[in-house]
């Protein structure tokens, strides 16, 4: 069971999430209950019971919900991309997984007495971006306060055409970048460039 006493919950994000708000209130209610189970999972953010993928019957029993209601509302959450499945078929919340990764990054920094080496720039609000270089399909992940100026400089410096994969506005650029660097650390090929699969890119776009 997770030692964390509470789930990170952002009311504004919940109400402004187009995917979530496309779901029925019944599906949103199921999500809250599933998040409670995912919060207790050994692998945070995943729907696992004692480390294993539970069958529908187990979850239905735990949540005291009718099997038809569970199956239809779960299908809704999956079809709109509110919840996902990994390659093993385990259901997970992308947001919860990323929040936990960010928490661990912050915790690690705190264990070192904070991160005095982090420039003030990286602590500011701004943008985290991922772009693909069309010449070799490598993906660059970075941060910027002026995204248009940054992308122009990248194109000029590398003399290449690029494709924007994602641009997200964030409260702390350094934290957001650290999460992505940790996630794709095994795929780094050159400083800030990564060799990502089509599946990785699709996940970034989401």
N, C-alpha and C. Protein backbone atom coordinates (compact mmCIF):
# COMPACT_ATOMS: atom_id res chain seq x y z
N UNK A 1 0.85 -1.19 0.00
CA UNK A 1 0.00 0.00 0.00
C UNK A 1 0.88 1.24 0.00
N UNK A 2 0.45 2.26 -0.76
CA UNK A 2 1.20 3.51 -0.83
C UNK A 2 1.26 4.18 0.54
N UNK A 3 2.41 4.77 0.84
CA UNK A 3 2.57 5.50 2.09
C UNK A 3 2.07 6.94 1.96
N UNK A 4 1.76 7.34 0.74
CA UNK A 4 1.28 8.70 0.53
C UNK A 4 -0.13 8.83 1.10
N UNK A 5 -0.38 9.88 1.89
CA UNK A 5 -1.68 10.01 2.54
C UNK A 5 -2.79 10.56 1.64
N UNK A 6 -2.41 11.17 0.50
CA UNK A 6 -3.42 11.81 -0.32
C UNK A 6 -3.07 11.74 -1.80
N UNK A 7 -4.08 11.91 -2.63
CA UNK A 7 -3.91 11.94 -4.07
C UNK A 7 -3.76 13.40 -4.51
N UNK A 8 -2.83 13.66 -5.42
CA UNK A 8 -2.71 14.99 -5.99
C UNK A 8 -3.93 15.24 -6.87
N UNK A 9 -4.70 16.26 -6.54
CA UNK A 9 -5.93 16.54 -7.28
C UNK A 9 -6.01 18.03 -7.59
N UNK A 10 -6.19 18.35 -8.87
CA UNK A 10 -6.24 19.74 -9.31
C UNK A 10 -7.62 20.01 -9.91
N UNK A 11 -8.52 20.68 -9.15
CA UNK A 11 -9.88 20.93 -9.63
C UNK A 11 -9.94 21.60 -10.99
N UNK A 12 -9.09 22.60 -11.23
CA UNK A 12 -9.12 23.31 -12.51
C UNK A 12 -8.76 22.37 -13.66
N UNK A 13 -7.74 21.52 -13.44
CA UNK A 13 -7.35 20.57 -14.48
C UNK A 13 -8.47 19.58 -14.76
N UNK A 14 -9.14 19.13 -13.70
CA UNK A 14 -10.25 18.18 -13.84
C UNK A 14 -11.35 18.78 -14.70
N UNK A 15 -11.73 20.01 -14.41
CA UNK A 15 -12.84 20.66 -15.11
C UNK A 15 -12.48 21.08 -16.53
N UNK A 16 -11.18 21.29 -16.78
CA UNK A 16 -10.75 21.76 -18.10
C UNK A 16 -10.20 20.66 -18.99
N UNK A 17 -10.19 19.42 -18.49
CA UNK A 17 -9.70 18.29 -19.27
C UNK A 17 -10.78 17.87 -20.27
N UNK A 18 -10.54 18.14 -21.54
CA UNK A 18 -11.55 17.86 -22.57
C UNK A 18 -11.88 16.38 -22.64
N UNK A 19 -10.86 15.53 -22.53
CA UNK A 19 -11.09 14.09 -22.59
C UNK A 19 -11.99 13.64 -21.45
N UNK A 20 -11.69 14.12 -20.25
CA UNK A 20 -12.46 13.72 -19.08
C UNK A 20 -13.88 14.27 -19.14
N UNK A 21 -14.00 15.53 -19.54
CA UNK A 21 -15.32 16.14 -19.58
C UNK A 21 -16.18 15.60 -20.73
N UNK A 22 -15.57 14.86 -21.63
CA UNK A 22 -16.33 14.19 -22.69
C UNK A 22 -17.00 12.93 -22.18
N UNK A 23 -16.55 12.47 -21.01
CA UNK A 23 -17.11 11.26 -20.40
C UNK A 23 -18.35 11.61 -19.56
N UNK A 24 -19.20 10.63 -19.37
CA UNK A 24 -20.39 10.82 -18.56
C UNK A 24 -20.00 10.98 -17.09
N UNK A 25 -20.94 11.50 -16.30
CA UNK A 25 -20.68 11.65 -14.87
C UNK A 25 -20.46 10.28 -14.22
N UNK A 26 -21.14 9.27 -14.74
CA UNK A 26 -20.95 7.92 -14.22
C UNK A 26 -19.53 7.44 -14.42
N UNK A 27 -18.97 7.73 -15.60
CA UNK A 27 -17.58 7.33 -15.90
C UNK A 27 -16.61 8.12 -15.03
N UNK A 28 -16.91 9.39 -14.82
CA UNK A 28 -16.05 10.22 -13.97
C UNK A 28 -16.08 9.71 -12.52
N UNK A 29 -17.23 9.26 -12.08
CA UNK A 29 -17.34 8.70 -10.74
C UNK A 29 -16.54 7.42 -10.61
N UNK A 30 -16.59 6.58 -11.65
CA UNK A 30 -15.79 5.35 -11.64
C UNK A 30 -14.31 5.69 -11.58
N UNK A 31 -13.92 6.73 -12.30
CA UNK A 31 -12.51 7.13 -12.31
C UNK A 31 -12.02 7.47 -10.91
N UNK A 32 -12.83 8.19 -10.16
CA UNK A 32 -12.43 8.55 -8.80
C UNK A 32 -12.17 7.30 -7.97
N UNK A 33 -13.05 6.32 -8.08
CA UNK A 33 -12.89 5.07 -7.33
C UNK A 33 -11.66 4.29 -7.80
N UNK A 34 -11.42 4.27 -9.10
CA UNK A 34 -10.25 3.58 -9.62
C UNK A 34 -8.96 4.28 -9.19
N UNK A 35 -9.01 5.60 -9.14
CA UNK A 35 -7.84 6.36 -8.68
C UNK A 35 -7.49 6.01 -7.24
N UNK A 36 -8.51 5.76 -6.44
CA UNK A 36 -8.26 5.37 -5.04
C UNK A 36 -7.54 4.03 -4.98
N UNK A 37 -7.92 3.11 -5.87
CA UNK A 37 -7.24 1.81 -5.92
C UNK A 37 -5.82 1.97 -6.47
N UNK A 38 -5.68 2.82 -7.49
CA UNK A 38 -4.36 3.04 -8.09
C UNK A 38 -3.42 3.73 -7.11
N UNK A 39 -3.99 4.51 -6.22
CA UNK A 39 -3.20 5.21 -5.20
C UNK A 39 -2.59 4.21 -4.21
N UNK A 40 -3.26 3.08 -4.03
CA UNK A 40 -2.78 2.08 -3.09
C UNK A 40 -1.89 1.03 -3.74
N UNK A 41 -1.77 1.11 -5.07
CA UNK A 41 -0.98 0.12 -5.80
C UNK A 41 0.50 0.25 -5.51
N UNK A 42 1.21 -0.87 -5.49
CA UNK A 42 2.66 -0.85 -5.30
C UNK A 42 3.34 -0.10 -6.45
N UNK A 43 2.74 -0.19 -7.64
CA UNK A 43 3.21 0.57 -8.79
C UNK A 43 2.23 1.72 -8.95
N UNK A 44 2.60 2.87 -8.41
CA UNK A 44 1.66 3.98 -8.27
C UNK A 44 1.03 4.37 -9.62
N UNK A 45 -0.30 4.56 -9.57
CA UNK A 45 -1.02 4.98 -10.77
C UNK A 45 -1.51 3.84 -11.63
N UNK A 46 -1.18 2.60 -11.24
CA UNK A 46 -1.60 1.41 -11.99
C UNK A 46 -2.68 0.66 -11.22
N UNK A 47 -3.61 0.08 -11.94
CA UNK A 47 -4.66 -0.72 -11.32
C UNK A 47 -4.12 -2.13 -11.10
N UNK A 48 -3.43 -2.30 -9.98
CA UNK A 48 -2.85 -3.60 -9.61
C UNK A 48 -3.29 -3.93 -8.19
N UNK A 49 -3.61 -5.18 -7.95
CA UNK A 49 -3.95 -5.66 -6.62
C UNK A 49 -2.89 -6.66 -6.20
N UNK A 50 -2.17 -6.33 -5.12
CA UNK A 50 -1.05 -7.17 -4.67
C UNK A 50 -0.03 -7.39 -5.78
N UNK A 51 0.14 -6.36 -6.60
CA UNK A 51 1.14 -6.42 -7.66
C UNK A 51 0.68 -7.08 -8.94
N UNK A 52 -0.54 -7.62 -8.97
CA UNK A 52 -1.05 -8.32 -10.15
C UNK A 52 -2.20 -7.56 -10.79
N UNK A 53 -2.40 -7.80 -12.08
CA UNK A 53 -3.54 -7.21 -12.79
C UNK A 53 -4.81 -7.93 -12.36
N UNK A 54 -5.76 -7.23 -11.76
CA UNK A 54 -6.98 -7.89 -11.29
C UNK A 54 -7.96 -8.14 -12.43
N UNK A 55 -8.77 -9.18 -12.29
CA UNK A 55 -9.82 -9.38 -13.28
C UNK A 55 -11.01 -8.48 -12.94
N UNK A 56 -11.95 -8.38 -13.87
CA UNK A 56 -13.09 -7.49 -13.66
C UNK A 56 -13.88 -7.87 -12.40
N UNK A 57 -13.99 -9.14 -12.15
CA UNK A 57 -14.78 -9.60 -11.01
C UNK A 57 -14.22 -9.06 -9.70
N UNK A 58 -12.91 -9.05 -9.59
CA UNK A 58 -12.26 -8.55 -8.37
C UNK A 58 -12.53 -7.07 -8.17
N UNK A 59 -12.39 -6.30 -9.23
CA UNK A 59 -12.60 -4.86 -9.13
C UNK A 59 -14.06 -4.55 -8.84
N UNK A 60 -14.96 -5.26 -9.51
CA UNK A 60 -16.40 -5.07 -9.30
C UNK A 60 -16.78 -5.33 -7.84
N UNK A 61 -16.17 -6.36 -7.28
CA UNK A 61 -16.45 -6.70 -5.88
C UNK A 61 -15.93 -5.62 -4.94
N UNK A 62 -14.74 -5.11 -5.22
CA UNK A 62 -14.14 -4.07 -4.37
C UNK A 62 -14.94 -2.77 -4.42
N UNK A 63 -15.42 -2.43 -5.62
CA UNK A 63 -16.12 -1.16 -5.79
C UNK A 63 -17.63 -1.26 -5.59
N UNK A 64 -18.11 -2.51 -5.42
CA UNK A 64 -19.55 -2.73 -5.23
C UNK A 64 -20.35 -2.08 -6.35
N UNK A 65 -20.00 -2.43 -7.57
CA UNK A 65 -20.64 -1.86 -8.75
C UNK A 65 -21.15 -2.99 -9.64
N UNK A 66 -22.22 -2.75 -10.37
CA UNK A 66 -22.78 -3.76 -11.27
C UNK A 66 -21.80 -3.99 -12.42
N UNK A 67 -21.66 -5.23 -12.83
CA UNK A 67 -20.63 -5.56 -13.83
C UNK A 67 -20.87 -4.85 -15.16
N UNK A 68 -22.13 -4.67 -15.56
CA UNK A 68 -22.41 -3.99 -16.83
C UNK A 68 -22.05 -2.51 -16.74
N UNK A 69 -22.33 -1.91 -15.59
CA UNK A 69 -21.99 -0.50 -15.39
C UNK A 69 -20.48 -0.33 -15.41
N UNK A 70 -19.78 -1.21 -14.71
CA UNK A 70 -18.32 -1.13 -14.66
C UNK A 70 -17.72 -1.24 -16.06
N UNK A 71 -18.14 -2.24 -16.80
CA UNK A 71 -17.56 -2.49 -18.12
C UNK A 71 -17.84 -1.35 -19.09
N UNK A 72 -19.07 -0.81 -19.05
CA UNK A 72 -19.42 0.27 -19.99
C UNK A 72 -18.70 1.57 -19.64
N UNK A 73 -18.61 1.88 -18.35
CA UNK A 73 -17.95 3.13 -17.95
C UNK A 73 -16.44 3.04 -18.10
N UNK A 74 -15.88 1.87 -17.86
CA UNK A 74 -14.45 1.68 -18.06
C UNK A 74 -14.11 1.83 -19.54
N UNK A 75 -14.94 1.25 -20.39
CA UNK A 75 -14.74 1.36 -21.83
C UNK A 75 -14.74 2.83 -22.25
N UNK A 76 -15.61 3.59 -21.64
CA UNK A 76 -15.72 5.03 -21.92
C UNK A 76 -14.41 5.74 -21.56
N UNK A 77 -13.89 5.46 -20.37
CA UNK A 77 -12.66 6.10 -19.91
C UNK A 77 -11.47 5.74 -20.80
N UNK A 78 -11.44 4.50 -21.25
CA UNK A 78 -10.35 4.04 -22.11
C UNK A 78 -10.48 4.61 -23.52
N UNK A 79 -11.68 4.66 -24.03
CA UNK A 79 -11.88 5.13 -25.41
C UNK A 79 -11.57 6.62 -25.55
N UNK A 80 -11.81 7.40 -24.49
CA UNK A 80 -11.50 8.83 -24.54
C UNK A 80 -10.06 9.13 -24.13
N UNK A 81 -9.32 8.11 -23.73
CA UNK A 81 -7.92 8.30 -23.37
C UNK A 81 -7.70 8.85 -21.97
N UNK A 82 -8.75 8.80 -21.14
CA UNK A 82 -8.59 9.24 -19.75
C UNK A 82 -7.73 8.24 -19.00
N UNK A 83 -7.95 6.96 -19.26
CA UNK A 83 -7.12 5.88 -18.74
C UNK A 83 -6.47 5.17 -19.92
N UNK A 84 -5.37 4.50 -19.66
CA UNK A 84 -4.64 3.79 -20.71
C UNK A 84 -4.35 2.36 -20.27
N UNK A 85 -3.87 1.56 -21.21
CA UNK A 85 -3.40 0.20 -20.91
C UNK A 85 -1.97 0.07 -21.39
N UNK A 86 -1.14 -0.58 -20.56
CA UNK A 86 0.23 -0.81 -21.00
C UNK A 86 0.30 -2.08 -21.84
N UNK A 87 1.50 -2.48 -22.24
CA UNK A 87 1.66 -3.62 -23.14
C UNK A 87 1.21 -4.94 -22.50
N UNK A 88 1.13 -4.95 -21.16
CA UNK A 88 0.70 -6.16 -20.46
C UNK A 88 -0.81 -6.17 -20.19
N UNK A 89 -1.46 -5.07 -20.55
CA UNK A 89 -2.90 -5.00 -20.33
C UNK A 89 -3.28 -4.34 -19.02
N UNK A 90 -2.32 -3.82 -18.27
CA UNK A 90 -2.62 -3.16 -17.00
C UNK A 90 -3.16 -1.76 -17.25
N UNK A 91 -4.25 -1.43 -16.58
CA UNK A 91 -4.85 -0.11 -16.69
C UNK A 91 -4.07 0.87 -15.82
N UNK A 92 -3.82 2.07 -16.34
CA UNK A 92 -3.11 3.06 -15.54
C UNK A 92 -3.57 4.46 -15.89
N UNK A 93 -3.30 5.39 -14.96
CA UNK A 93 -3.58 6.80 -15.15
C UNK A 93 -2.28 7.51 -15.49
N UNK A 94 -2.20 8.02 -16.69
CA UNK A 94 -0.98 8.72 -17.13
C UNK A 94 -0.67 9.89 -16.21
N UNK A 95 -1.70 10.62 -15.80
CA UNK A 95 -1.50 11.79 -14.94
C UNK A 95 -0.93 11.38 -13.59
N UNK A 96 -1.47 10.31 -12.99
CA UNK A 96 -0.99 9.86 -11.69
C UNK A 96 0.45 9.37 -11.77
N UNK A 97 0.78 8.68 -12.86
CA UNK A 97 2.14 8.17 -13.04
C UNK A 97 3.13 9.33 -13.17
N UNK A 98 2.76 10.35 -13.94
CA UNK A 98 3.65 11.49 -14.13
C UNK A 98 3.77 12.32 -12.84
N UNK A 99 2.67 12.46 -12.11
CA UNK A 99 2.73 13.18 -10.84
C UNK A 99 3.67 12.48 -9.85
N UNK A 100 3.62 11.14 -9.84
CA UNK A 100 4.49 10.38 -8.95
C UNK A 100 5.95 10.51 -9.36
N UNK A 101 6.19 10.49 -10.66
CA UNK A 101 7.56 10.65 -11.15
C UNK A 101 8.11 12.01 -10.75
N UNK A 102 7.27 13.04 -10.88
CA UNK A 102 7.67 14.38 -10.50
C UNK A 102 7.92 14.46 -9.00
N UNK A 103 7.07 13.80 -8.21
CA UNK A 103 7.24 13.80 -6.76
C UNK A 103 8.58 13.18 -6.38
N UNK A 104 8.94 12.10 -7.08
CA UNK A 104 10.20 11.42 -6.77
C UNK A 104 11.39 12.29 -7.14
N UNK A 105 11.27 13.01 -8.26
CA UNK A 105 12.34 13.93 -8.66
C UNK A 105 12.54 15.00 -7.60
N UNK A 106 11.42 15.56 -7.13
CA UNK A 106 11.50 16.59 -6.09
C UNK A 106 12.04 16.03 -4.79
N UNK A 107 11.62 14.80 -4.46
CA UNK A 107 12.08 14.17 -3.22
C UNK A 107 13.58 13.92 -3.28
N UNK A 108 14.05 13.47 -4.43
CA UNK A 108 15.48 13.23 -4.60
C UNK A 108 16.27 14.53 -4.46
N UNK A 109 15.73 15.60 -5.08
CA UNK A 109 16.40 16.90 -4.98
C UNK A 109 16.43 17.36 -3.53
N UNK A 110 15.32 17.12 -2.82
CA UNK A 110 15.24 17.52 -1.43
C UNK A 110 16.21 16.76 -0.55
N UNK A 111 16.44 15.49 -0.88
CA UNK A 111 17.36 14.68 -0.08
C UNK A 111 18.79 15.18 -0.21
N UNK A 112 19.03 15.95 -1.27
CA UNK A 112 20.36 16.53 -1.46
C UNK A 112 20.42 17.96 -0.93
N UNK A 113 19.35 18.34 -0.21
CA UNK A 113 19.29 19.70 0.31
C UNK A 113 18.80 20.68 -0.71
N UNK A 114 17.93 20.20 -1.60
CA UNK A 114 17.43 21.07 -2.66
C UNK A 114 18.34 20.96 -3.86
N UNK A 115 18.08 21.74 -4.87
CA UNK A 115 18.90 21.70 -6.08
C UNK A 115 19.43 23.10 -6.38
N UNK A 116 20.46 23.52 -5.65
CA UNK A 116 20.99 24.86 -5.84
C UNK A 116 21.59 25.06 -7.22
N UNK A 117 21.91 23.93 -7.91
CA UNK A 117 22.51 24.05 -9.24
C UNK A 117 21.47 24.40 -10.29
N UNK A 118 20.17 24.22 -9.96
CA UNK A 118 19.14 24.53 -10.94
C UNK A 118 19.06 26.04 -11.14
N UNK A 119 19.32 26.52 -12.35
CA UNK A 119 19.24 27.96 -12.60
C UNK A 119 17.84 28.48 -12.32
N UNK A 120 17.77 29.74 -11.95
CA UNK A 120 16.48 30.36 -11.68
C UNK A 120 15.56 30.24 -12.88
N UNK A 121 16.14 30.29 -14.07
CA UNK A 121 15.36 30.18 -15.30
C UNK A 121 14.51 28.93 -15.33
N UNK A 122 15.10 27.81 -14.85
CA UNK A 122 14.40 26.52 -14.91
C UNK A 122 13.27 26.43 -13.88
N UNK A 123 13.27 27.32 -12.91
CA UNK A 123 12.23 27.31 -11.90
C UNK A 123 11.01 28.12 -12.32
N UNK A 124 11.13 28.82 -13.44
CA UNK A 124 10.05 29.70 -13.88
C UNK A 124 8.96 28.94 -14.64
N UNK A 125 7.81 29.59 -14.77
CA UNK A 125 6.75 29.07 -15.63
C UNK A 125 7.14 29.30 -17.08
N UNK A 126 6.72 28.41 -17.94
CA UNK A 126 7.05 28.54 -19.36
C UNK A 126 6.51 27.37 -20.14
N UNK A 127 7.32 26.87 -21.06
CA UNK A 127 6.87 25.79 -21.93
C UNK A 127 7.88 24.64 -21.93
N UNK A 128 7.36 23.43 -22.00
CA UNK A 128 8.18 22.26 -22.28
C UNK A 128 7.75 21.77 -23.65
N UNK A 129 8.72 21.44 -24.49
CA UNK A 129 8.39 21.08 -25.86
C UNK A 129 9.12 19.80 -26.29
N UNK A 130 8.57 19.17 -27.32
CA UNK A 130 9.23 18.05 -27.98
C UNK A 130 9.05 18.26 -29.48
N UNK A 131 10.16 18.24 -30.21
CA UNK A 131 10.11 18.43 -31.65
C UNK A 131 10.89 17.31 -32.34
N UNK A 132 10.49 16.97 -33.55
CA UNK A 132 11.19 15.92 -34.30
C UNK A 132 11.97 16.54 -35.45
N UNK A 133 13.23 16.17 -35.57
CA UNK A 133 14.06 16.63 -36.69
C UNK A 133 13.78 15.71 -37.87
N UNK A 134 13.27 16.26 -38.95
CA UNK A 134 12.81 15.44 -40.07
C UNK A 134 13.93 14.71 -40.80
N UNK A 135 15.14 15.23 -40.70
CA UNK A 135 16.25 14.59 -41.42
C UNK A 135 16.60 13.21 -40.88
N UNK A 136 16.46 13.02 -39.56
CA UNK A 136 16.81 11.72 -38.98
C UNK A 136 15.79 11.22 -37.96
N UNK A 137 14.70 11.96 -37.78
CA UNK A 137 13.59 11.58 -36.88
C UNK A 137 13.96 11.59 -35.39
N UNK A 138 15.13 12.15 -35.05
CA UNK A 138 15.45 12.29 -33.63
C UNK A 138 14.57 13.36 -33.01
N UNK A 139 14.28 13.19 -31.72
CA UNK A 139 13.38 14.09 -31.02
C UNK A 139 14.15 14.90 -29.98
N UNK A 140 13.94 16.20 -30.00
CA UNK A 140 14.57 17.08 -29.02
C UNK A 140 13.53 17.48 -27.99
N UNK A 141 13.89 17.36 -26.71
CA UNK A 141 13.02 17.77 -25.60
C UNK A 141 13.70 18.93 -24.89
N UNK A 142 12.94 20.00 -24.68
CA UNK A 142 13.54 21.15 -24.03
C UNK A 142 12.50 22.09 -23.43
N UNK A 143 12.97 23.23 -22.96
CA UNK A 143 12.10 24.20 -22.31
C UNK A 143 12.38 25.59 -22.85
N UNK A 144 11.41 26.48 -22.73
CA UNK A 144 11.58 27.84 -23.21
C UNK A 144 10.50 28.73 -22.64
N UNK A 145 10.82 30.00 -22.49
CA UNK A 145 9.80 30.97 -22.10
C UNK A 145 9.19 31.62 -23.34
N UNK A 146 9.99 31.77 -24.39
CA UNK A 146 9.51 32.27 -25.67
C UNK A 146 9.63 31.13 -26.67
N UNK A 147 8.57 30.40 -26.85
CA UNK A 147 8.64 29.17 -27.64
C UNK A 147 8.91 29.43 -29.12
N UNK A 148 8.32 30.50 -29.67
CA UNK A 148 8.53 30.79 -31.09
C UNK A 148 10.00 31.12 -31.36
N UNK A 149 10.59 31.92 -30.51
CA UNK A 149 11.99 32.29 -30.66
C UNK A 149 12.90 31.07 -30.52
N UNK A 150 12.55 30.20 -29.56
CA UNK A 150 13.36 29.00 -29.32
C UNK A 150 13.35 28.07 -30.53
N UNK A 151 12.19 27.83 -31.11
CA UNK A 151 12.09 26.93 -32.26
C UNK A 151 12.81 27.51 -33.47
N UNK A 152 12.75 28.82 -33.62
CA UNK A 152 13.46 29.47 -34.73
C UNK A 152 14.97 29.27 -34.58
N UNK A 153 15.46 29.42 -33.35
CA UNK A 153 16.90 29.25 -33.11
C UNK A 153 17.35 27.81 -33.37
N UNK A 154 16.49 26.85 -33.00
CA UNK A 154 16.83 25.44 -33.23
C UNK A 154 16.95 25.17 -34.73
N UNK A 155 16.00 25.66 -35.50
CA UNK A 155 16.02 25.45 -36.95
C UNK A 155 17.25 26.10 -37.57
N UNK A 156 17.60 27.29 -37.08
CA UNK A 156 18.74 28.01 -37.62
C UNK A 156 20.06 27.32 -37.25
N UNK A 157 20.17 26.91 -36.00
CA UNK A 157 21.41 26.29 -35.52
C UNK A 157 21.67 24.95 -36.19
N UNK A 158 20.64 24.13 -36.29
CA UNK A 158 20.82 22.78 -36.83
C UNK A 158 20.53 22.70 -38.33
N UNK A 159 20.09 23.82 -38.91
CA UNK A 159 19.80 23.87 -40.34
C UNK A 159 18.93 22.69 -40.76
N UNK A 160 17.79 22.59 -40.09
CA UNK A 160 16.92 21.45 -40.34
C UNK A 160 15.46 21.86 -40.30
N UNK A 161 14.63 21.02 -40.88
CA UNK A 161 13.19 21.19 -40.77
C UNK A 161 12.71 20.36 -39.58
N UNK A 162 11.75 20.90 -38.85
CA UNK A 162 11.27 20.20 -37.66
C UNK A 162 9.76 20.02 -37.69
N UNK A 163 9.31 19.07 -36.92
CA UNK A 163 7.88 18.84 -36.73
C UNK A 163 7.59 18.96 -35.24
N UNK A 164 6.61 19.77 -34.89
CA UNK A 164 6.26 19.93 -33.48
C UNK A 164 5.45 18.72 -33.02
N UNK A 165 5.92 18.08 -31.98
CA UNK A 165 5.20 16.94 -31.40
C UNK A 165 4.26 17.43 -30.31
N UNK A 166 4.80 18.25 -29.41
CA UNK A 166 3.96 18.78 -28.34
C UNK A 166 4.59 20.04 -27.76
N UNK A 167 3.73 20.93 -27.32
CA UNK A 167 4.15 22.12 -26.58
C UNK A 167 3.16 22.28 -25.43
N UNK A 168 3.67 22.27 -24.21
CA UNK A 168 2.79 22.37 -23.05
C UNK A 168 3.25 23.50 -22.13
N UNK A 169 2.29 24.27 -21.67
CA UNK A 169 2.59 25.33 -20.71
C UNK A 169 2.65 24.72 -19.31
N UNK A 170 3.70 25.03 -18.57
CA UNK A 170 3.92 24.42 -17.26
C UNK A 170 4.27 25.48 -16.23
N UNK A 171 4.06 25.14 -14.97
CA UNK A 171 4.36 26.07 -13.87
C UNK A 171 5.84 26.13 -13.53
N UNK A 172 6.53 25.00 -13.72
CA UNK A 172 7.97 24.95 -13.44
C UNK A 172 8.64 24.18 -14.57
N UNK A 173 9.37 24.89 -15.42
CA UNK A 173 9.97 24.27 -16.59
C UNK A 173 10.96 23.17 -16.23
N UNK A 174 11.77 23.41 -15.22
CA UNK A 174 12.79 22.43 -14.84
C UNK A 174 12.19 21.12 -14.40
N UNK A 175 11.13 21.18 -13.59
CA UNK A 175 10.48 19.96 -13.12
C UNK A 175 9.87 19.18 -14.28
N UNK A 176 9.20 19.89 -15.18
CA UNK A 176 8.56 19.24 -16.33
C UNK A 176 9.59 18.58 -17.24
N UNK A 177 10.70 19.26 -17.46
CA UNK A 177 11.75 18.70 -18.31
C UNK A 177 12.38 17.48 -17.64
N UNK A 178 12.61 17.56 -16.34
CA UNK A 178 13.21 16.44 -15.61
C UNK A 178 12.36 15.17 -15.71
N UNK A 179 11.03 15.34 -15.66
CA UNK A 179 10.13 14.19 -15.76
C UNK A 179 10.33 13.48 -17.10
N UNK A 180 10.39 14.25 -18.18
CA UNK A 180 10.54 13.65 -19.52
C UNK A 180 11.94 13.07 -19.71
N UNK A 181 12.96 13.74 -19.18
CA UNK A 181 14.32 13.22 -19.30
C UNK A 181 14.46 11.89 -18.55
N UNK A 182 13.81 11.79 -17.41
CA UNK A 182 13.86 10.55 -16.64
C UNK A 182 13.13 9.43 -17.38
N UNK A 183 11.99 9.78 -17.97
CA UNK A 183 11.18 8.77 -18.66
C UNK A 183 11.93 8.18 -19.86
N UNK A 184 12.68 9.02 -20.58
CA UNK A 184 13.33 8.57 -21.81
C UNK A 184 14.85 8.52 -21.70
N UNK A 185 15.36 8.38 -20.47
CA UNK A 185 16.81 8.43 -20.26
C UNK A 185 17.55 7.33 -21.02
N UNK A 186 16.90 6.19 -21.22
CA UNK A 186 17.56 5.08 -21.93
C UNK A 186 17.55 5.29 -23.45
N UNK A 187 16.89 6.33 -23.91
CA UNK A 187 16.78 6.57 -25.35
C UNK A 187 17.50 7.84 -25.78
N UNK A 188 18.27 8.41 -24.85
CA UNK A 188 19.03 9.62 -25.18
C UNK A 188 20.21 9.26 -26.08
N UNK A 189 20.40 10.05 -27.12
CA UNK A 189 21.51 9.78 -28.04
C UNK A 189 22.53 10.92 -28.07
N UNK A 190 22.09 12.14 -27.75
CA UNK A 190 23.00 13.26 -27.82
C UNK A 190 22.45 14.44 -27.03
N UNK A 191 22.90 14.59 -25.82
CA UNK A 191 22.51 15.72 -24.97
C UNK A 191 21.00 15.81 -24.78
N UNK A 192 20.33 16.61 -25.61
CA UNK A 192 18.88 16.78 -25.47
C UNK A 192 18.09 16.09 -26.56
N UNK A 193 18.75 15.23 -27.33
CA UNK A 193 18.09 14.54 -28.44
C UNK A 193 17.87 13.07 -28.08
N UNK A 194 16.71 12.55 -28.49
CA UNK A 194 16.30 11.21 -28.12
C UNK A 194 15.84 10.43 -29.35
N UNK A 195 16.06 9.13 -29.31
CA UNK A 195 15.59 8.25 -30.37
C UNK A 195 14.30 7.57 -29.88
N UNK A 196 13.18 8.19 -30.13
CA UNK A 196 11.90 7.71 -29.62
C UNK A 196 11.13 6.91 -30.66
N UNK A 197 10.36 5.96 -30.17
CA UNK A 197 9.54 5.15 -31.06
C UNK A 197 8.25 5.91 -31.41
N UNK A 198 7.52 5.38 -32.39
CA UNK A 198 6.24 5.99 -32.75
C UNK A 198 5.29 5.98 -31.56
N UNK A 199 5.38 4.93 -30.74
CA UNK A 199 4.53 4.83 -29.56
C UNK A 199 4.89 5.91 -28.54
N UNK A 200 6.19 6.18 -28.38
CA UNK A 200 6.64 7.23 -27.47
C UNK A 200 6.11 8.59 -27.93
N UNK A 201 6.21 8.82 -29.23
CA UNK A 201 5.77 10.09 -29.79
C UNK A 201 4.26 10.26 -29.63
N UNK A 202 3.53 9.18 -29.85
CA UNK A 202 2.08 9.23 -29.69
C UNK A 202 1.73 9.56 -28.24
N UNK A 203 2.49 9.01 -27.30
CA UNK A 203 2.25 9.29 -25.87
C UNK A 203 2.54 10.75 -25.55
N UNK A 204 3.59 11.30 -26.16
CA UNK A 204 3.92 12.70 -25.94
C UNK A 204 2.82 13.62 -26.48
N UNK A 205 2.27 13.24 -27.61
CA UNK A 205 1.21 14.06 -28.22
C UNK A 205 -0.02 14.08 -27.34
N UNK A 206 -0.27 12.94 -26.63
CA UNK A 206 -1.46 12.85 -25.78
C UNK A 206 -1.37 13.72 -24.57
